[in-house]
N, C-alpha and C. Protein backbone atom coordinates (compact mmCIF):
# COMPACT_ATOMS: atom_id res chain seq x y z
N THR A 1 -12.86 21.41 71.09
CA THR A 1 -14.17 20.81 71.28
C THR A 1 -14.05 19.36 71.71
N SER A 2 -15.07 18.85 72.37
CA SER A 2 -15.16 17.44 72.77
C SER A 2 -16.52 16.93 72.36
N GLN A 3 -16.55 15.94 71.46
CA GLN A 3 -17.80 15.40 70.95
C GLN A 3 -18.68 16.50 70.36
N GLY A 4 -18.05 17.44 69.70
CA GLY A 4 -18.78 18.51 69.03
C GLY A 4 -19.18 19.67 69.91
N GLU A 5 -18.95 19.57 71.22
CA GLU A 5 -19.31 20.64 72.14
C GLU A 5 -18.07 21.47 72.49
N PRO A 6 -18.19 22.81 72.48
CA PRO A 6 -17.03 23.63 72.82
C PRO A 6 -16.64 23.48 74.28
N VAL A 7 -15.33 23.48 74.53
CA VAL A 7 -14.78 23.42 75.88
C VAL A 7 -13.84 24.60 76.07
N ILE A 8 -14.02 25.33 77.15
CA ILE A 8 -13.16 26.47 77.47
C ILE A 8 -12.10 25.99 78.46
N VAL A 9 -10.83 26.25 78.13
CA VAL A 9 -9.71 25.82 78.97
C VAL A 9 -9.07 27.05 79.60
N LEU A 10 -9.00 27.06 80.92
CA LEU A 10 -8.44 28.19 81.66
C LEU A 10 -7.23 27.73 82.45
N GLY A 11 -6.08 28.35 82.15
CA GLY A 11 -4.90 28.11 82.95
C GLY A 11 -4.86 29.10 84.09
N ASN A 12 -4.75 28.63 85.33
CA ASN A 12 -4.69 29.54 86.47
C ASN A 12 -3.63 29.05 87.44
N TYR A 13 -3.71 29.48 88.68
CA TYR A 13 -2.66 29.15 89.64
C TYR A 13 -2.72 27.67 90.00
N HIS A 14 -1.69 26.91 89.60
CA HIS A 14 -1.55 25.48 89.86
C HIS A 14 -2.49 24.59 89.05
N LEU A 15 -3.70 25.04 88.77
CA LEU A 15 -4.70 24.18 88.14
C LEU A 15 -5.07 24.67 86.74
N VAL A 16 -5.57 23.74 85.93
CA VAL A 16 -6.22 24.07 84.67
C VAL A 16 -7.68 23.65 84.79
N THR A 17 -8.58 24.58 84.50
CA THR A 17 -10.01 24.35 84.66
C THR A 17 -10.67 24.24 83.29
N PHE A 18 -11.61 23.32 83.17
CA PHE A 18 -12.35 23.09 81.93
C PHE A 18 -13.81 23.49 82.16
N LEU A 19 -14.32 24.36 81.27
CA LEU A 19 -15.70 24.84 81.38
C LEU A 19 -16.47 24.53 80.10
N SER A 20 -17.77 24.32 80.27
CA SER A 20 -18.63 24.18 79.10
C SER A 20 -18.96 25.57 78.56
N ALA A 21 -19.62 25.60 77.41
CA ALA A 21 -19.99 26.89 76.81
C ALA A 21 -20.98 27.65 77.68
N THR A 22 -21.69 26.96 78.58
CA THR A 22 -22.65 27.62 79.48
C THR A 22 -22.02 27.99 80.81
N GLY A 23 -20.70 27.73 80.97
CA GLY A 23 -20.02 28.09 82.20
C GLY A 23 -19.97 27.01 83.26
N LYS A 24 -20.48 25.83 82.95
CA LYS A 24 -20.45 24.73 83.90
C LYS A 24 -19.04 24.15 83.99
N THR A 25 -18.57 23.92 85.22
CA THR A 25 -17.25 23.33 85.41
C THR A 25 -17.30 21.85 85.05
N LEU A 26 -16.50 21.47 84.08
CA LEU A 26 -16.43 20.09 83.63
C LEU A 26 -15.38 19.30 84.40
N GLY A 27 -14.39 20.02 84.93
CA GLY A 27 -13.32 19.36 85.68
C GLY A 27 -12.13 20.27 85.83
N TYR A 28 -11.19 19.86 86.64
CA TYR A 28 -9.94 20.59 86.77
C TYR A 28 -8.85 19.60 87.17
N ILE A 29 -7.63 19.90 86.71
CA ILE A 29 -6.50 19.01 86.96
C ILE A 29 -5.27 19.85 87.27
N PRO A 30 -4.26 19.25 87.94
CA PRO A 30 -3.00 19.97 88.14
C PRO A 30 -2.40 20.36 86.79
N GLY A 31 -1.95 21.59 86.71
CA GLY A 31 -1.47 22.10 85.43
C GLY A 31 -0.02 21.83 85.13
N GLY A 32 0.75 21.37 86.14
CA GLY A 32 2.16 21.12 85.91
C GLY A 32 3.02 22.37 85.99
N SER A 33 2.41 23.50 86.38
CA SER A 33 3.16 24.74 86.55
C SER A 33 2.50 25.55 87.66
N ALA A 34 3.31 26.31 88.39
CA ALA A 34 2.79 27.04 89.54
C ALA A 34 1.92 28.23 89.15
N TYR A 35 2.12 28.76 87.94
CA TYR A 35 1.44 30.01 87.61
C TYR A 35 1.33 30.11 86.10
N HIS A 36 0.16 29.89 85.55
CA HIS A 36 -0.06 29.98 84.10
C HIS A 36 -0.32 31.42 83.70
N THR A 37 0.37 31.88 82.68
CA THR A 37 0.22 33.26 82.22
C THR A 37 -0.36 33.35 80.81
N LEU A 38 -0.44 32.23 80.08
CA LEU A 38 -1.00 32.25 78.73
C LEU A 38 -1.71 30.94 78.45
N THR A 39 -2.85 31.01 77.78
CA THR A 39 -3.51 29.83 77.22
C THR A 39 -3.82 30.13 75.76
N MET A 40 -3.50 29.19 74.87
CA MET A 40 -3.73 29.42 73.44
C MET A 40 -5.22 29.55 73.17
N LYS A 41 -5.59 30.56 72.39
CA LYS A 41 -7.01 30.90 72.20
C LYS A 41 -7.78 29.84 71.43
N ARG A 42 -7.17 29.26 70.40
CA ARG A 42 -7.86 28.26 69.59
C ARG A 42 -7.06 26.97 69.60
N GLY A 43 -7.74 25.88 69.93
CA GLY A 43 -7.09 24.59 69.91
C GLY A 43 -7.26 23.90 68.57
N GLY A 44 -6.94 22.61 68.55
CA GLY A 44 -7.07 21.81 67.35
C GLY A 44 -6.67 20.37 67.65
N ASP A 45 -7.05 19.47 66.76
CA ASP A 45 -6.64 18.08 66.91
C ASP A 45 -5.24 17.94 66.32
N PHE A 46 -4.25 18.27 67.12
CA PHE A 46 -2.88 18.37 66.63
C PHE A 46 -2.24 17.00 66.38
N ASN A 47 -2.61 16.00 67.16
CA ASN A 47 -1.95 14.70 67.04
C ASN A 47 -2.82 13.65 66.34
N GLY A 48 -3.99 14.04 65.83
CA GLY A 48 -4.81 13.14 65.06
C GLY A 48 -5.54 12.08 65.86
N ASP A 49 -5.77 12.32 67.16
CA ASP A 49 -6.46 11.31 67.98
C ASP A 49 -7.98 11.53 68.05
N GLY A 50 -8.48 12.54 67.33
CA GLY A 50 -9.91 12.79 67.32
C GLY A 50 -10.40 13.75 68.39
N THR A 51 -9.51 14.20 69.29
CA THR A 51 -9.87 15.14 70.35
C THR A 51 -8.99 16.37 70.25
N GLU A 52 -9.58 17.54 70.38
CA GLU A 52 -8.80 18.76 70.27
C GLU A 52 -7.96 18.99 71.52
N GLU A 53 -6.82 19.66 71.30
CA GLU A 53 -5.92 20.03 72.40
C GLU A 53 -5.65 21.53 72.35
N THR A 54 -5.15 22.03 73.47
CA THR A 54 -4.65 23.40 73.51
C THR A 54 -3.47 23.44 74.47
N LEU A 55 -2.84 24.61 74.59
CA LEU A 55 -1.63 24.77 75.39
C LEU A 55 -1.82 25.83 76.46
N ALA A 56 -1.17 25.63 77.60
CA ALA A 56 -1.12 26.64 78.65
C ALA A 56 0.32 26.77 79.12
N ALA A 57 0.83 27.99 79.16
CA ALA A 57 2.23 28.25 79.50
C ALA A 57 2.36 28.76 80.92
N GLY A 58 3.34 28.23 81.65
CA GLY A 58 3.60 28.63 83.02
C GLY A 58 4.81 29.53 83.13
N ILE A 59 4.89 30.27 84.22
CA ILE A 59 5.92 31.29 84.37
C ILE A 59 7.30 30.69 84.63
N TRP A 60 7.38 29.43 85.08
CA TRP A 60 8.66 28.82 85.41
C TRP A 60 9.21 27.95 84.30
N GLY A 61 8.76 28.14 83.07
CA GLY A 61 9.36 27.43 81.94
C GLY A 61 8.69 26.13 81.59
N GLY A 62 7.49 25.90 82.07
CA GLY A 62 6.76 24.69 81.73
C GLY A 62 5.50 25.00 80.94
N MET A 63 5.23 24.20 79.93
CA MET A 63 4.00 24.35 79.15
C MET A 63 3.28 23.00 79.15
N GLY A 64 1.98 23.02 79.41
CA GLY A 64 1.20 21.81 79.38
C GLY A 64 0.34 21.72 78.14
N VAL A 65 0.14 20.48 77.66
CA VAL A 65 -0.79 20.21 76.56
C VAL A 65 -2.04 19.59 77.18
N PHE A 66 -3.20 20.19 76.92
CA PHE A 66 -4.44 19.77 77.57
C PHE A 66 -5.50 19.47 76.51
N SER A 67 -6.22 18.37 76.71
CA SER A 67 -7.22 17.97 75.74
C SER A 67 -8.62 18.35 76.20
N ALA A 68 -9.55 18.37 75.24
CA ALA A 68 -10.95 18.68 75.56
C ALA A 68 -11.59 17.58 76.40
N ALA A 69 -10.90 16.44 76.54
CA ALA A 69 -11.37 15.37 77.41
C ALA A 69 -10.96 15.61 78.86
N CYS A 70 -10.51 16.83 79.16
CA CYS A 70 -10.13 17.23 80.52
C CYS A 70 -8.93 16.43 81.03
N LYS A 71 -7.94 16.26 80.16
CA LYS A 71 -6.73 15.54 80.53
C LYS A 71 -5.49 16.33 80.11
N ARG A 72 -4.41 16.13 80.88
CA ARG A 72 -3.11 16.67 80.49
C ARG A 72 -2.39 15.59 79.69
N THR A 73 -2.08 15.88 78.43
CA THR A 73 -1.54 14.87 77.54
C THR A 73 -0.06 15.04 77.23
N GLY A 74 0.56 16.09 77.75
CA GLY A 74 1.98 16.28 77.47
C GLY A 74 2.52 17.53 78.12
N GLY A 75 3.84 17.69 78.02
CA GLY A 75 4.50 18.86 78.56
C GLY A 75 5.69 19.25 77.69
N ILE A 76 5.98 20.54 77.64
CA ILE A 76 7.05 21.07 76.79
C ILE A 76 7.82 22.11 77.59
N ARG A 77 9.15 22.11 77.47
CA ARG A 77 9.97 23.14 78.12
C ARG A 77 10.01 24.39 77.25
N ILE A 78 9.77 25.54 77.87
CA ILE A 78 9.83 26.82 77.19
C ILE A 78 10.69 27.77 78.01
N SER A 79 10.91 28.97 77.50
CA SER A 79 11.65 29.99 78.25
C SER A 79 10.83 30.45 79.44
N ARG A 80 11.51 30.76 80.53
CA ARG A 80 10.82 31.24 81.72
C ARG A 80 10.30 32.66 81.52
N GLY A 81 9.49 33.10 82.47
CA GLY A 81 9.01 34.47 82.46
C GLY A 81 7.53 34.55 82.14
N ALA A 82 6.96 35.71 82.42
CA ALA A 82 5.55 35.95 82.12
C ALA A 82 5.30 35.83 80.63
N GLY A 83 4.15 35.28 80.26
CA GLY A 83 3.83 35.07 78.86
C GLY A 83 3.52 36.36 78.13
N ILE A 84 3.93 36.42 76.86
CA ILE A 84 3.69 37.58 76.00
C ILE A 84 2.82 37.21 74.81
N LEU A 85 3.14 36.07 74.17
CA LEU A 85 2.42 35.67 72.96
C LEU A 85 2.37 34.15 72.89
N LEU A 86 1.19 33.60 72.58
CA LEU A 86 1.03 32.17 72.33
C LEU A 86 -0.02 32.01 71.26
N GLU A 87 0.44 31.74 70.02
CA GLU A 87 -0.47 31.69 68.87
C GLU A 87 -0.01 30.61 67.90
N ARG A 88 -0.93 30.18 67.04
CA ARG A 88 -0.56 29.29 65.95
C ARG A 88 0.38 30.03 65.00
N TRP A 89 1.39 29.31 64.54
CA TRP A 89 2.36 29.89 63.61
C TRP A 89 1.91 29.59 62.17
N PRO A 90 1.88 30.60 61.29
CA PRO A 90 1.49 30.35 59.90
C PRO A 90 2.47 29.37 59.25
N SER A 91 1.96 28.22 58.81
CA SER A 91 2.83 27.18 58.27
C SER A 91 2.10 26.41 57.20
N THR A 92 2.83 26.04 56.13
CA THR A 92 2.26 25.23 55.06
C THR A 92 2.67 23.77 55.19
N SER A 93 3.42 23.43 56.22
CA SER A 93 3.87 22.05 56.40
C SER A 93 2.76 21.20 56.99
N ASP A 94 2.98 19.87 57.01
CA ASP A 94 2.00 18.95 57.56
C ASP A 94 1.92 19.05 59.08
N HIS A 95 2.96 19.58 59.69
CA HIS A 95 2.99 19.68 61.16
C HIS A 95 2.52 21.06 61.59
N PRO A 96 1.38 21.16 62.29
CA PRO A 96 0.97 22.47 62.82
C PRO A 96 1.95 22.93 63.87
N LYS A 97 2.16 24.24 63.94
CA LYS A 97 3.12 24.80 64.89
C LYS A 97 2.50 25.97 65.64
N ALA A 98 3.11 26.29 66.77
CA ALA A 98 2.70 27.44 67.57
C ALA A 98 3.95 28.16 68.04
N ILE A 99 3.84 29.45 68.23
CA ILE A 99 4.95 30.24 68.75
C ILE A 99 4.61 30.71 70.16
N CYS A 100 5.56 30.55 71.07
CA CYS A 100 5.38 31.00 72.45
C CYS A 100 6.50 31.97 72.80
N CYS A 101 6.14 33.17 73.23
CA CYS A 101 7.11 34.18 73.64
C CYS A 101 6.85 34.53 75.10
N THR A 102 7.92 34.52 75.89
CA THR A 102 7.86 34.96 77.27
C THR A 102 8.87 36.10 77.45
N GLU A 103 8.94 36.62 78.65
CA GLU A 103 9.90 37.69 78.93
C GLU A 103 11.34 37.28 78.63
N ASP A 104 11.62 35.97 78.72
CA ASP A 104 13.00 35.50 78.60
C ASP A 104 13.35 34.85 77.27
N GLY A 105 12.40 34.71 76.35
CA GLY A 105 12.78 34.09 75.09
C GLY A 105 11.61 33.58 74.27
N VAL A 106 11.95 32.85 73.21
CA VAL A 106 10.99 32.41 72.20
C VAL A 106 11.14 30.92 71.96
N THR A 107 10.01 30.21 71.83
CA THR A 107 10.01 28.78 71.52
C THR A 107 9.01 28.51 70.41
N LEU A 108 9.46 27.80 69.37
CA LEU A 108 8.55 27.32 68.34
C LEU A 108 8.20 25.88 68.67
N ILE A 109 6.89 25.58 68.72
CA ILE A 109 6.42 24.28 69.17
C ILE A 109 5.85 23.50 67.99
N ASP A 110 6.33 22.27 67.84
CA ASP A 110 5.76 21.34 66.87
C ASP A 110 4.55 20.69 67.55
N LEU A 111 3.36 21.10 67.17
CA LEU A 111 2.15 20.65 67.86
C LEU A 111 1.85 19.18 67.59
N ALA A 112 2.18 18.69 66.41
CA ALA A 112 1.91 17.30 66.08
C ALA A 112 2.74 16.35 66.92
N GLU A 113 3.99 16.73 67.21
CA GLU A 113 4.88 15.87 67.99
C GLU A 113 4.94 16.26 69.46
N GLY A 114 4.32 17.40 69.82
CA GLY A 114 4.32 17.81 71.22
C GLY A 114 5.69 18.10 71.77
N ARG A 115 6.50 18.82 70.99
CA ARG A 115 7.87 19.12 71.44
C ARG A 115 8.28 20.49 70.91
N ALA A 116 9.37 21.01 71.47
CA ALA A 116 9.93 22.28 71.00
C ALA A 116 10.76 22.03 69.74
N ALA A 117 10.43 22.72 68.66
CA ALA A 117 11.22 22.62 67.44
C ALA A 117 12.53 23.39 67.60
N TRP A 118 12.47 24.56 68.23
CA TRP A 118 13.66 25.32 68.60
C TRP A 118 13.30 26.31 69.69
N SER A 119 14.32 26.75 70.41
CA SER A 119 14.14 27.73 71.46
C SER A 119 15.28 28.74 71.40
N ASN A 120 14.95 30.00 71.61
CA ASN A 120 15.93 31.07 71.47
C ASN A 120 15.81 32.02 72.66
N PRO A 121 16.80 32.02 73.57
CA PRO A 121 16.75 32.95 74.71
C PRO A 121 17.10 34.36 74.27
N LEU A 122 16.15 35.26 74.34
CA LEU A 122 16.35 36.62 73.84
C LEU A 122 15.86 37.65 74.85
N ARG A 123 16.15 37.44 76.09
CA ARG A 123 15.71 38.36 77.12
C ARG A 123 16.43 39.69 76.99
N PRO A 124 15.78 40.78 77.41
CA PRO A 124 14.42 40.85 77.96
C PRO A 124 13.44 41.35 76.90
N LEU A 125 12.28 40.69 76.80
CA LEU A 125 11.27 41.05 75.82
C LEU A 125 10.11 41.80 76.46
N ASN A 126 9.59 42.78 75.73
CA ASN A 126 8.39 43.51 76.16
C ASN A 126 7.14 43.04 75.43
N ASP A 127 7.29 42.71 74.14
CA ASP A 127 6.12 42.38 73.34
C ASP A 127 6.59 41.60 72.12
N ALA A 128 5.64 40.95 71.44
CA ALA A 128 5.95 40.17 70.24
C ALA A 128 4.71 40.11 69.37
N ALA A 129 4.91 39.93 68.06
CA ALA A 129 3.80 39.83 67.13
C ALA A 129 4.24 39.07 65.89
N ILE A 130 3.31 38.31 65.32
CA ILE A 130 3.56 37.66 64.04
C ILE A 130 3.22 38.65 62.94
N VAL A 131 4.17 38.88 62.03
CA VAL A 131 3.96 39.81 60.93
C VAL A 131 4.30 39.10 59.62
N MET A 132 3.72 39.59 58.55
CA MET A 132 3.97 39.00 57.24
C MET A 132 4.79 39.96 56.39
N GLY A 133 5.88 39.46 55.85
CA GLY A 133 6.70 40.25 54.95
C GLY A 133 6.81 39.56 53.61
N LYS A 134 6.15 40.08 52.59
CA LYS A 134 6.14 39.50 51.25
C LYS A 134 5.68 38.04 51.29
N GLY A 135 4.65 37.78 52.11
CA GLY A 135 4.06 36.46 52.18
C GLY A 135 4.77 35.49 53.10
N THR A 136 5.85 35.93 53.73
CA THR A 136 6.64 35.08 54.62
C THR A 136 6.43 35.51 56.06
N PRO A 137 6.06 34.58 56.95
CA PRO A 137 5.86 34.99 58.35
C PRO A 137 7.17 35.33 59.04
N ARG A 138 7.12 36.35 59.86
CA ARG A 138 8.25 36.75 60.69
C ARG A 138 7.73 36.98 62.10
N LEU A 139 8.59 36.82 63.07
CA LEU A 139 8.25 37.13 64.45
C LEU A 139 8.94 38.42 64.84
N ALA A 140 8.14 39.46 65.10
CA ALA A 140 8.68 40.76 65.50
C ALA A 140 8.78 40.80 67.02
N LEU A 141 9.95 41.20 67.52
CA LEU A 141 10.22 41.22 68.96
C LEU A 141 10.54 42.63 69.41
N ALA A 142 9.79 43.12 70.40
CA ALA A 142 10.05 44.42 71.01
C ALA A 142 10.88 44.18 72.27
N LYS A 143 12.11 44.69 72.28
CA LYS A 143 13.02 44.36 73.37
C LYS A 143 13.22 45.54 74.32
N CYS A 144 13.39 45.20 75.59
CA CYS A 144 13.61 46.23 76.61
C CYS A 144 14.93 46.95 76.43
N ASP A 145 15.90 46.30 75.75
CA ASP A 145 17.22 46.90 75.60
C ASP A 145 17.32 47.86 74.41
N GLY A 146 16.18 48.13 73.74
CA GLY A 146 16.18 49.13 72.67
C GLY A 146 16.24 48.57 71.27
N TYR A 147 16.19 47.26 71.11
CA TYR A 147 16.24 46.66 69.78
C TYR A 147 14.86 46.20 69.32
N LEU A 148 14.62 46.34 68.03
CA LEU A 148 13.51 45.71 67.34
C LEU A 148 14.10 44.62 66.47
N MET A 149 13.61 43.38 66.62
CA MET A 149 14.19 42.26 65.91
C MET A 149 13.11 41.49 65.16
N LEU A 150 13.52 40.86 64.05
CA LEU A 150 12.66 39.96 63.30
C LEU A 150 13.33 38.60 63.20
N LEU A 151 12.61 37.54 63.59
CA LEU A 151 13.10 36.17 63.44
C LEU A 151 12.33 35.47 62.33
N ASP A 152 13.02 34.54 61.64
CA ASP A 152 12.33 33.74 60.63
C ASP A 152 11.78 32.46 61.23
N SER A 153 11.24 31.58 60.41
CA SER A 153 10.59 30.36 60.89
C SER A 153 11.55 29.40 61.57
N ASP A 154 12.85 29.57 61.30
CA ASP A 154 13.87 28.71 61.92
C ASP A 154 14.48 29.32 63.18
N GLY A 155 13.96 30.47 63.59
CA GLY A 155 14.49 31.14 64.77
C GLY A 155 15.74 31.95 64.51
N GLN A 156 16.09 32.13 63.25
CA GLN A 156 17.28 32.89 62.89
C GLN A 156 16.94 34.38 62.72
N LEU A 157 17.91 35.21 62.99
CA LEU A 157 17.71 36.66 62.87
C LEU A 157 17.55 37.04 61.41
N ALA A 158 16.38 37.62 61.06
CA ALA A 158 16.12 38.07 59.69
C ALA A 158 16.45 39.55 59.54
N ALA A 159 16.25 40.34 60.60
CA ALA A 159 16.55 41.77 60.57
C ALA A 159 16.58 42.29 62.00
N SER A 160 17.31 43.37 62.19
CA SER A 160 17.40 43.99 63.51
C SER A 160 17.62 45.48 63.34
N ARG A 161 17.05 46.25 64.26
CA ARG A 161 17.22 47.71 64.20
C ARG A 161 17.33 48.25 65.62
N TRP A 162 18.33 49.10 65.81
CA TRP A 162 18.53 49.77 67.10
C TRP A 162 17.59 50.97 67.18
N ILE A 163 16.66 50.92 68.13
CA ILE A 163 15.70 52.01 68.29
C ILE A 163 16.23 53.06 69.25
N GLY A 164 17.01 52.63 70.24
CA GLY A 164 17.66 53.57 71.15
C GLY A 164 16.90 53.83 72.42
N GLU A 165 15.77 53.15 72.59
CA GLU A 165 14.97 53.27 73.80
C GLU A 165 14.15 51.99 73.92
N PRO A 166 13.69 51.64 75.10
CA PRO A 166 12.90 50.41 75.23
C PRO A 166 11.71 50.40 74.28
N VAL A 167 11.58 49.32 73.51
CA VAL A 167 10.45 49.18 72.60
C VAL A 167 9.30 48.57 73.40
N ARG A 168 8.23 49.33 73.60
CA ARG A 168 7.17 48.93 74.53
C ARG A 168 6.14 48.00 73.91
N ALA A 169 5.87 48.16 72.62
CA ALA A 169 4.84 47.35 71.98
C ALA A 169 5.12 47.24 70.49
N VAL A 170 4.66 46.14 69.88
CA VAL A 170 4.86 45.93 68.44
C VAL A 170 3.63 45.24 67.88
N THR A 171 3.32 45.56 66.62
CA THR A 171 2.22 44.88 65.93
C THR A 171 2.53 44.89 64.44
N GLY A 172 1.83 44.06 63.69
CA GLY A 172 2.00 44.03 62.25
C GLY A 172 1.14 45.08 61.59
N GLY A 173 1.69 45.73 60.59
CA GLY A 173 0.95 46.71 59.81
C GLY A 173 0.75 46.19 58.40
N PRO A 174 0.03 46.94 57.57
CA PRO A 174 -0.24 46.48 56.19
C PRO A 174 1.02 46.37 55.36
N ASN A 175 2.06 47.10 55.72
CA ASN A 175 3.29 47.08 54.94
C ASN A 175 4.53 46.89 55.80
N GLY A 176 4.40 46.17 56.92
CA GLY A 176 5.55 45.95 57.76
C GLY A 176 5.22 45.88 59.23
N VAL A 177 5.95 46.67 60.03
CA VAL A 177 5.88 46.59 61.49
C VAL A 177 5.61 47.98 62.05
N VAL A 178 4.77 48.05 63.09
CA VAL A 178 4.50 49.30 63.79
C VAL A 178 4.89 49.10 65.25
N ILE A 179 5.64 50.06 65.81
CA ILE A 179 6.07 49.95 67.19
C ILE A 179 5.71 51.20 67.98
N ALA A 180 5.64 51.02 69.29
CA ALA A 180 5.54 52.14 70.22
C ALA A 180 6.78 52.10 71.09
N ALA A 181 7.52 53.21 71.10
CA ALA A 181 8.72 53.30 71.93
C ALA A 181 8.60 54.53 72.81
N LEU A 182 8.96 55.70 72.29
CA LEU A 182 8.75 56.93 73.04
C LEU A 182 7.26 57.15 73.28
N ALA A 183 6.94 57.79 74.39
CA ALA A 183 5.54 58.11 74.67
C ALA A 183 4.96 58.98 73.56
N ASP A 184 3.71 58.70 73.21
CA ASP A 184 2.97 59.50 72.23
C ASP A 184 3.56 59.45 70.83
N ARG A 185 4.24 58.32 70.48
CA ARG A 185 4.76 58.22 69.12
C ARG A 185 4.66 56.78 68.63
N LEU A 186 4.13 56.62 67.42
CA LEU A 186 4.11 55.33 66.73
C LEU A 186 5.00 55.43 65.50
N THR A 187 5.80 54.38 65.27
CA THR A 187 6.73 54.39 64.16
C THR A 187 6.54 53.12 63.34
N ALA A 188 6.52 53.28 62.01
CA ALA A 188 6.34 52.16 61.11
C ALA A 188 7.65 51.85 60.39
N TYR A 189 7.87 50.56 60.13
CA TYR A 189 9.05 50.09 59.40
C TYR A 189 8.62 49.13 58.31
N ASP A 190 9.37 49.11 57.23
CA ASP A 190 9.11 48.16 56.16
C ASP A 190 9.51 46.75 56.62
N PRO A 191 9.15 45.69 55.88
CA PRO A 191 9.41 44.32 56.34
C PRO A 191 10.89 43.99 56.58
N SER A 192 11.81 44.76 56.01
CA SER A 192 13.23 44.52 56.25
C SER A 192 13.80 45.44 57.34
N LEU A 193 12.95 46.30 57.92
CA LEU A 193 13.35 47.29 58.94
C LEU A 193 14.34 48.32 58.42
N ALA A 194 14.37 48.52 57.09
CA ALA A 194 15.34 49.44 56.50
C ALA A 194 14.85 50.88 56.52
N THR A 195 13.55 51.10 56.37
CA THR A 195 13.01 52.46 56.32
C THR A 195 12.10 52.72 57.51
N GLU A 196 12.12 53.96 57.96
CA GLU A 196 11.37 54.36 59.16
C GLU A 196 10.43 55.49 58.80
N ARG A 197 9.22 55.45 59.39
CA ARG A 197 8.24 56.52 59.14
C ARG A 197 7.41 56.73 60.41
N THR A 198 7.40 57.96 60.90
CA THR A 198 6.57 58.29 62.07
C THR A 198 5.14 58.48 61.59
N ILE A 199 4.21 57.76 62.23
CA ILE A 199 2.81 57.82 61.78
C ILE A 199 1.90 58.49 62.79
N ALA A 200 2.36 58.69 64.02
CA ALA A 200 1.54 59.36 65.02
C ALA A 200 2.42 59.82 66.17
């Protein structure tokens, strides 16, 4: 928001466009990337300057930080590739964080400092989801090479399971992780990926 009014931020080819809640164009600026594939759905005043910001990720490894004042306020290097996931990361620390997943890897972003906290090249990825295991956030990764992986908040491998076929999609379930691999089949795993159950 800017001065209490909602602002819609759209990342598109070369430009980032700012719209009012009624659809009026408020402005547009160069986005710092040739092709934006993700824009974070909800912004926030990450740096404490009184104006909300959000993020837009480009396909060539560049991410821009954009404020509701229609300005580009920073840039962050991320993994290249089409965007898969860009969301706030569940965190109890004073620094808000976001997770960005592209086809070529994963980056955890420190939103308060406007920098990458860590980056992990884990190509090739099909899908990603934030899941909760016993109250602890994990990042579930569906990989084209047949692996299902879980990363912790530090980007370290928490669990891994060989599925044996490209994992096409992943989401969090009430008791772990649900994936789609083979056509017409959904499989659920516990938070440690130790047990498997076909659910559909």
